[in-house]
């Protein structure tokens, strides 16, 4: 069982991560390529499309991580934080310190 001190430490870490992810998402969205009619060649259009694809993938990954962080924060609020979603066992403090948004215990992660 996690102590109140451990929960506060992990919640603080999650809140910092949430803020960092939100900033990263804003930066990625600000630097999205501008698809206009100003391209001079097919190669330039191809380069823009490739850049868009890369940034879209980064944005999507960041948003998925942000969703995981938000879910972990909700679990702290509801008292369900630190419980494995598969086996309903306890997620170790060691694992939560490494991956505070973890949804699974070490054993279920290995099987999974």
N, C-alpha and C. Protein backbone atom coordinates (compact mmCIF):
# COMPACT_ATOMS: atom_id res chain seq x y z
N UNK A 1 0.85 -1.19 0.00
CA UNK A 1 0.00 0.00 0.00
C UNK A 1 0.89 1.24 0.00
N UNK A 2 0.53 2.21 -0.81
CA UNK A 2 1.30 3.44 -0.91
C UNK A 2 0.97 4.37 0.26
N UNK A 3 2.01 4.98 0.80
CA UNK A 3 1.80 5.94 1.88
C UNK A 3 1.32 7.27 1.29
N UNK A 4 0.79 8.13 2.13
CA UNK A 4 0.34 9.45 1.69
C UNK A 4 1.52 10.24 1.12
N UNK A 5 2.68 10.08 1.73
CA UNK A 5 3.89 10.77 1.26
C UNK A 5 4.26 10.29 -0.15
N UNK A 6 4.19 8.97 -0.36
CA UNK A 6 4.48 8.41 -1.69
C UNK A 6 3.49 8.92 -2.72
N UNK A 7 2.21 8.95 -2.36
CA UNK A 7 1.17 9.43 -3.27
C UNK A 7 1.41 10.90 -3.64
N UNK A 8 1.78 11.71 -2.67
CA UNK A 8 2.04 13.12 -2.95
C UNK A 8 3.24 13.28 -3.87
N UNK A 9 4.28 12.49 -3.63
CA UNK A 9 5.47 12.53 -4.48
C UNK A 9 5.12 12.15 -5.92
N UNK A 10 4.36 11.08 -6.08
CA UNK A 10 4.00 10.61 -7.42
C UNK A 10 3.02 11.56 -8.10
N UNK A 11 2.09 12.11 -7.34
CA UNK A 11 1.16 13.08 -7.91
C UNK A 11 1.90 14.31 -8.40
N UNK A 12 2.87 14.77 -7.64
CA UNK A 12 3.67 15.92 -8.05
C UNK A 12 4.43 15.62 -9.34
N UNK A 13 4.99 14.43 -9.42
CA UNK A 13 5.71 14.01 -10.62
C UNK A 13 4.77 13.96 -11.82
N UNK A 14 3.58 13.42 -11.63
CA UNK A 14 2.59 13.35 -12.70
C UNK A 14 2.14 14.74 -13.15
N UNK A 15 1.95 15.64 -12.22
CA UNK A 15 1.53 17.01 -12.57
C UNK A 15 2.62 17.72 -13.38
N UNK A 16 3.89 17.52 -13.00
CA UNK A 16 5.00 18.10 -13.78
C UNK A 16 5.02 17.51 -15.18
N UNK A 17 4.86 16.19 -15.27
CA UNK A 17 4.86 15.53 -16.57
C UNK A 17 3.69 16.01 -17.42
N UNK A 18 2.53 16.20 -16.82
CA UNK A 18 1.35 16.70 -17.53
C UNK A 18 1.65 18.07 -18.14
N UNK A 19 2.22 18.94 -17.34
CA UNK A 19 2.55 20.28 -17.80
C UNK A 19 3.57 20.24 -18.94
N UNK A 20 4.60 19.42 -18.79
CA UNK A 20 5.63 19.29 -19.84
C UNK A 20 5.03 18.75 -21.14
N UNK A 21 4.18 17.76 -21.03
CA UNK A 21 3.56 17.18 -22.22
C UNK A 21 2.66 18.19 -22.92
N UNK A 22 1.89 18.94 -22.14
CA UNK A 22 1.02 19.96 -22.74
C UNK A 22 1.85 21.00 -23.50
N UNK A 23 2.99 21.40 -22.93
CA UNK A 23 3.88 22.36 -23.60
C UNK A 23 4.46 21.76 -24.88
N UNK A 24 4.90 20.51 -24.81
CA UNK A 24 5.45 19.85 -25.99
C UNK A 24 4.41 19.75 -27.10
N UNK A 25 3.18 19.42 -26.73
CA UNK A 25 2.10 19.30 -27.72
C UNK A 25 1.86 20.65 -28.39
N UNK A 26 1.83 21.71 -27.60
CA UNK A 26 1.64 23.05 -28.17
C UNK A 26 2.78 23.40 -29.13
N UNK A 27 4.00 23.07 -28.76
CA UNK A 27 5.15 23.37 -29.63
C UNK A 27 5.08 22.60 -30.93
N UNK A 28 4.70 21.32 -30.86
CA UNK A 28 4.59 20.51 -32.08
C UNK A 28 3.50 21.07 -32.97
N UNK A 29 2.38 21.44 -32.39
CA UNK A 29 1.27 21.96 -33.19
C UNK A 29 1.59 23.33 -33.79
N UNK A 30 2.40 24.14 -33.10
CA UNK A 30 2.80 25.45 -33.63
C UNK A 30 3.73 25.30 -34.82
N UNK A 31 4.55 24.26 -34.81
CA UNK A 31 5.55 24.09 -35.87
C UNK A 31 5.06 23.18 -36.99
N UNK A 32 3.79 22.88 -37.01
CA UNK A 32 3.24 22.05 -38.09
C UNK A 32 3.48 22.75 -39.42
N UNK A 33 3.83 21.99 -40.45
CA UNK A 33 4.10 22.60 -41.75
C UNK A 33 2.86 23.29 -42.32
N UNK A 34 3.11 24.35 -43.02
CA UNK A 34 2.04 25.12 -43.65
C UNK A 34 1.89 24.62 -45.08
N UNK A 35 0.83 23.91 -45.34
CA UNK A 35 0.59 23.42 -46.70
C UNK A 35 -0.11 24.52 -47.48
N UNK A 36 0.61 25.07 -48.38
CA UNK A 36 0.03 26.12 -49.20
C UNK A 36 0.33 25.87 -50.66
N UNK A 37 0.09 26.86 -51.45
CA UNK A 37 0.35 26.74 -52.88
C UNK A 37 1.72 27.28 -53.23
N UNK A 38 2.53 27.54 -52.22
CA UNK A 38 3.83 28.14 -52.46
C UNK A 38 4.91 27.10 -52.79
N UNK A 39 4.54 25.86 -52.93
CA UNK A 39 5.54 24.84 -53.26
C UNK A 39 5.93 24.97 -54.73
N UNK A 40 7.21 24.81 -54.97
CA UNK A 40 7.75 24.97 -56.32
C UNK A 40 7.87 23.65 -57.08
N UNK A 41 7.83 22.55 -56.33
CA UNK A 41 8.05 21.28 -57.01
C UNK A 41 7.38 20.14 -56.24
N UNK A 42 7.31 19.02 -56.92
CA UNK A 42 6.77 17.82 -56.29
C UNK A 42 7.64 17.41 -55.10
N UNK A 43 8.95 17.59 -55.22
CA UNK A 43 9.86 17.23 -54.13
C UNK A 43 9.56 18.04 -52.88
N UNK A 44 9.27 19.32 -53.05
CA UNK A 44 8.96 20.17 -51.90
C UNK A 44 7.64 19.72 -51.26
N UNK A 45 6.66 19.40 -52.08
CA UNK A 45 5.39 18.89 -51.55
C UNK A 45 5.61 17.59 -50.81
N UNK A 46 6.45 16.73 -51.37
CA UNK A 46 6.75 15.45 -50.74
C UNK A 46 7.44 15.65 -49.39
N UNK A 47 8.38 16.59 -49.34
CA UNK A 47 9.07 16.90 -48.08
C UNK A 47 8.10 17.41 -47.03
N UNK A 48 7.17 18.28 -47.43
CA UNK A 48 6.17 18.80 -46.50
C UNK A 48 5.26 17.70 -45.99
N UNK A 49 4.88 16.81 -46.89
CA UNK A 49 4.02 15.69 -46.48
C UNK A 49 4.74 14.78 -45.50
N UNK A 50 6.01 14.54 -45.74
CA UNK A 50 6.79 13.69 -44.84
C UNK A 50 6.94 14.36 -43.47
N UNK A 51 7.20 15.65 -43.47
CA UNK A 51 7.33 16.39 -42.21
C UNK A 51 6.01 16.36 -41.44
N UNK A 52 4.90 16.54 -42.16
CA UNK A 52 3.59 16.50 -41.51
C UNK A 52 3.35 15.13 -40.89
N UNK A 53 3.68 14.08 -41.60
CA UNK A 53 3.49 12.72 -41.10
C UNK A 53 4.30 12.50 -39.83
N UNK A 54 5.53 12.96 -39.83
CA UNK A 54 6.40 12.80 -38.66
C UNK A 54 5.83 13.57 -37.47
N UNK A 55 5.43 14.83 -37.70
CA UNK A 55 4.89 15.64 -36.62
C UNK A 55 3.56 15.10 -36.13
N UNK A 56 2.75 14.56 -37.03
CA UNK A 56 1.48 13.96 -36.63
C UNK A 56 1.72 12.78 -35.69
N UNK A 57 2.71 11.96 -36.02
CA UNK A 57 3.05 10.81 -35.18
C UNK A 57 3.54 11.23 -33.81
N UNK A 58 4.38 12.26 -33.77
CA UNK A 58 4.89 12.78 -32.50
C UNK A 58 3.73 13.34 -31.68
N UNK A 59 2.88 14.13 -32.30
CA UNK A 59 1.74 14.73 -31.62
C UNK A 59 0.83 13.65 -31.03
N UNK A 60 0.57 12.64 -31.81
CA UNK A 60 -0.31 11.55 -31.36
C UNK A 60 0.29 10.81 -30.17
N UNK A 61 1.60 10.52 -30.23
CA UNK A 61 2.27 9.84 -29.13
C UNK A 61 2.23 10.68 -27.86
N UNK A 62 2.50 11.97 -28.00
CA UNK A 62 2.46 12.87 -26.84
C UNK A 62 1.06 12.92 -26.24
N UNK A 63 0.04 12.97 -27.08
CA UNK A 63 -1.34 13.02 -26.58
C UNK A 63 -1.73 11.71 -25.89
N UNK A 64 -1.24 10.59 -26.39
CA UNK A 64 -1.52 9.31 -25.73
C UNK A 64 -0.86 9.27 -24.35
N UNK A 65 0.38 9.75 -24.27
CA UNK A 65 1.06 9.82 -22.97
C UNK A 65 0.32 10.75 -22.03
N UNK A 66 -0.14 11.89 -22.54
CA UNK A 66 -0.89 12.84 -21.72
C UNK A 66 -2.17 12.19 -21.20
N UNK A 67 -2.85 11.43 -22.03
CA UNK A 67 -4.06 10.72 -21.59
C UNK A 67 -3.74 9.75 -20.45
N UNK A 68 -2.61 9.05 -20.56
CA UNK A 68 -2.20 8.11 -19.50
C UNK A 68 -1.92 8.86 -18.19
N UNK A 69 -1.25 10.00 -18.30
CA UNK A 69 -0.95 10.80 -17.11
C UNK A 69 -2.24 11.31 -16.47
N UNK A 70 -3.16 11.80 -17.29
CA UNK A 70 -4.45 12.28 -16.76
C UNK A 70 -5.22 11.15 -16.08
N UNK A 71 -5.18 9.96 -16.68
CA UNK A 71 -5.87 8.81 -16.09
C UNK A 71 -5.26 8.46 -14.73
N UNK A 72 -3.93 8.52 -14.63
CA UNK A 72 -3.26 8.22 -13.36
C UNK A 72 -3.66 9.26 -12.30
N UNK A 73 -3.72 10.53 -12.69
CA UNK A 73 -4.14 11.56 -11.75
C UNK A 73 -5.58 11.35 -11.28
N UNK A 74 -6.45 10.92 -12.19
CA UNK A 74 -7.83 10.62 -11.81
C UNK A 74 -7.88 9.46 -10.83
N UNK A 75 -7.02 8.46 -11.05
CA UNK A 75 -6.98 7.31 -10.14
C UNK A 75 -6.52 7.73 -8.74
N UNK A 76 -5.58 8.67 -8.68
CA UNK A 76 -5.16 9.17 -7.36
C UNK A 76 -6.36 9.78 -6.66
N UNK A 77 -7.13 10.57 -7.39
CA UNK A 77 -8.32 11.20 -6.82
C UNK A 77 -9.38 10.21 -6.37
N UNK A 78 -9.50 9.10 -7.08
CA UNK A 78 -10.55 8.12 -6.74
C UNK A 78 -10.08 7.02 -5.80
N UNK A 79 -8.78 7.00 -5.50
CA UNK A 79 -8.25 5.97 -4.60
C UNK A 79 -7.86 4.69 -5.29
N UNK A 80 -7.87 4.66 -6.61
CA UNK A 80 -7.55 3.44 -7.36
C UNK A 80 -6.12 3.42 -7.88
N UNK A 81 -5.35 4.45 -7.57
CA UNK A 81 -3.98 4.56 -8.08
C UNK A 81 -3.10 3.47 -7.48
N UNK A 82 -2.25 2.90 -8.34
CA UNK A 82 -1.30 1.88 -7.90
C UNK A 82 -1.85 0.47 -7.96
N UNK A 83 -3.04 0.32 -8.56
CA UNK A 83 -3.66 -0.99 -8.70
C UNK A 83 -3.58 -1.42 -10.17
N UNK A 84 -3.08 -2.62 -10.41
CA UNK A 84 -2.95 -3.16 -11.76
C UNK A 84 -4.32 -3.34 -12.40
N UNK A 85 -4.45 -2.89 -13.64
CA UNK A 85 -5.72 -3.00 -14.35
C UNK A 85 -6.01 -4.42 -14.82
N UNK A 86 -4.99 -5.29 -14.85
CA UNK A 86 -5.22 -6.67 -15.28
C UNK A 86 -5.53 -7.59 -14.10
N UNK A 87 -4.59 -7.68 -13.16
CA UNK A 87 -4.73 -8.66 -12.07
C UNK A 87 -5.30 -8.05 -10.80
N UNK A 88 -5.46 -6.71 -10.78
CA UNK A 88 -5.96 -5.96 -9.63
C UNK A 88 -5.00 -6.00 -8.44
N UNK A 89 -3.77 -6.48 -8.68
CA UNK A 89 -2.75 -6.47 -7.64
C UNK A 89 -2.11 -5.09 -7.52
N UNK A 90 -1.23 -4.98 -6.56
CA UNK A 90 -0.57 -3.70 -6.31
C UNK A 90 0.62 -3.52 -7.25
N UNK A 91 0.75 -2.32 -7.79
CA UNK A 91 1.91 -1.96 -8.60
C UNK A 91 2.98 -1.47 -7.63
N UNK A 92 4.18 -1.98 -7.76
CA UNK A 92 5.23 -1.65 -6.81
C UNK A 92 5.59 -0.16 -6.86
N UNK A 93 6.00 0.36 -5.71
CA UNK A 93 6.44 1.74 -5.62
C UNK A 93 7.64 1.97 -6.54
N UNK A 94 8.52 1.01 -6.62
CA UNK A 94 9.69 1.11 -7.49
C UNK A 94 9.27 1.35 -8.94
N UNK A 95 8.30 0.58 -9.43
CA UNK A 95 7.81 0.73 -10.80
C UNK A 95 7.10 2.07 -10.98
N UNK A 96 6.29 2.47 -10.01
CA UNK A 96 5.58 3.74 -10.12
C UNK A 96 6.53 4.93 -10.11
N UNK A 97 7.63 4.81 -9.41
CA UNK A 97 8.61 5.91 -9.43
C UNK A 97 9.27 6.02 -10.80
N UNK A 98 9.45 4.89 -11.48
CA UNK A 98 10.02 4.90 -12.83
C UNK A 98 8.99 5.30 -13.88
N UNK A 99 7.78 4.85 -13.69
CA UNK A 99 6.71 5.04 -14.67
C UNK A 99 5.41 5.35 -13.91
N UNK A 100 5.26 6.59 -13.42
CA UNK A 100 4.13 6.90 -12.54
C UNK A 100 2.76 6.74 -13.17
N UNK A 101 2.69 6.70 -14.49
CA UNK A 101 1.38 6.50 -15.13
C UNK A 101 1.12 5.04 -15.47
N UNK A 102 1.96 4.15 -14.94
CA UNK A 102 1.84 2.73 -15.23
C UNK A 102 0.45 2.19 -14.87
N UNK A 103 -0.09 1.41 -15.78
CA UNK A 103 -1.42 0.82 -15.56
C UNK A 103 -1.33 -0.63 -15.12
N UNK A 104 -0.14 -1.22 -15.24
CA UNK A 104 0.04 -2.64 -14.95
C UNK A 104 1.21 -2.89 -14.02
N UNK A 105 1.12 -3.95 -13.25
CA UNK A 105 2.23 -4.37 -12.40
C UNK A 105 3.32 -4.97 -13.28
N UNK A 106 4.47 -5.17 -12.70
CA UNK A 106 5.62 -5.69 -13.45
C UNK A 106 5.30 -7.05 -14.09
N UNK A 107 4.64 -7.94 -13.36
CA UNK A 107 4.33 -9.26 -13.88
C UNK A 107 3.38 -9.19 -15.08
N UNK A 108 2.37 -8.39 -15.00
CA UNK A 108 1.41 -8.28 -16.10
C UNK A 108 2.03 -7.58 -17.30
N UNK A 109 2.97 -6.66 -17.07
CA UNK A 109 3.67 -6.01 -18.18
C UNK A 109 4.51 -7.03 -18.94
N UNK A 110 5.13 -7.96 -18.22
CA UNK A 110 5.97 -8.96 -18.86
C UNK A 110 5.17 -9.97 -19.65
N UNK A 111 4.00 -10.31 -19.15
CA UNK A 111 3.13 -11.29 -19.82
C UNK A 111 2.48 -10.67 -21.05
N UNK A 112 2.10 -9.41 -20.91
CA UNK A 112 1.31 -8.71 -21.76
C UNK A 112 1.39 -8.35 -23.10
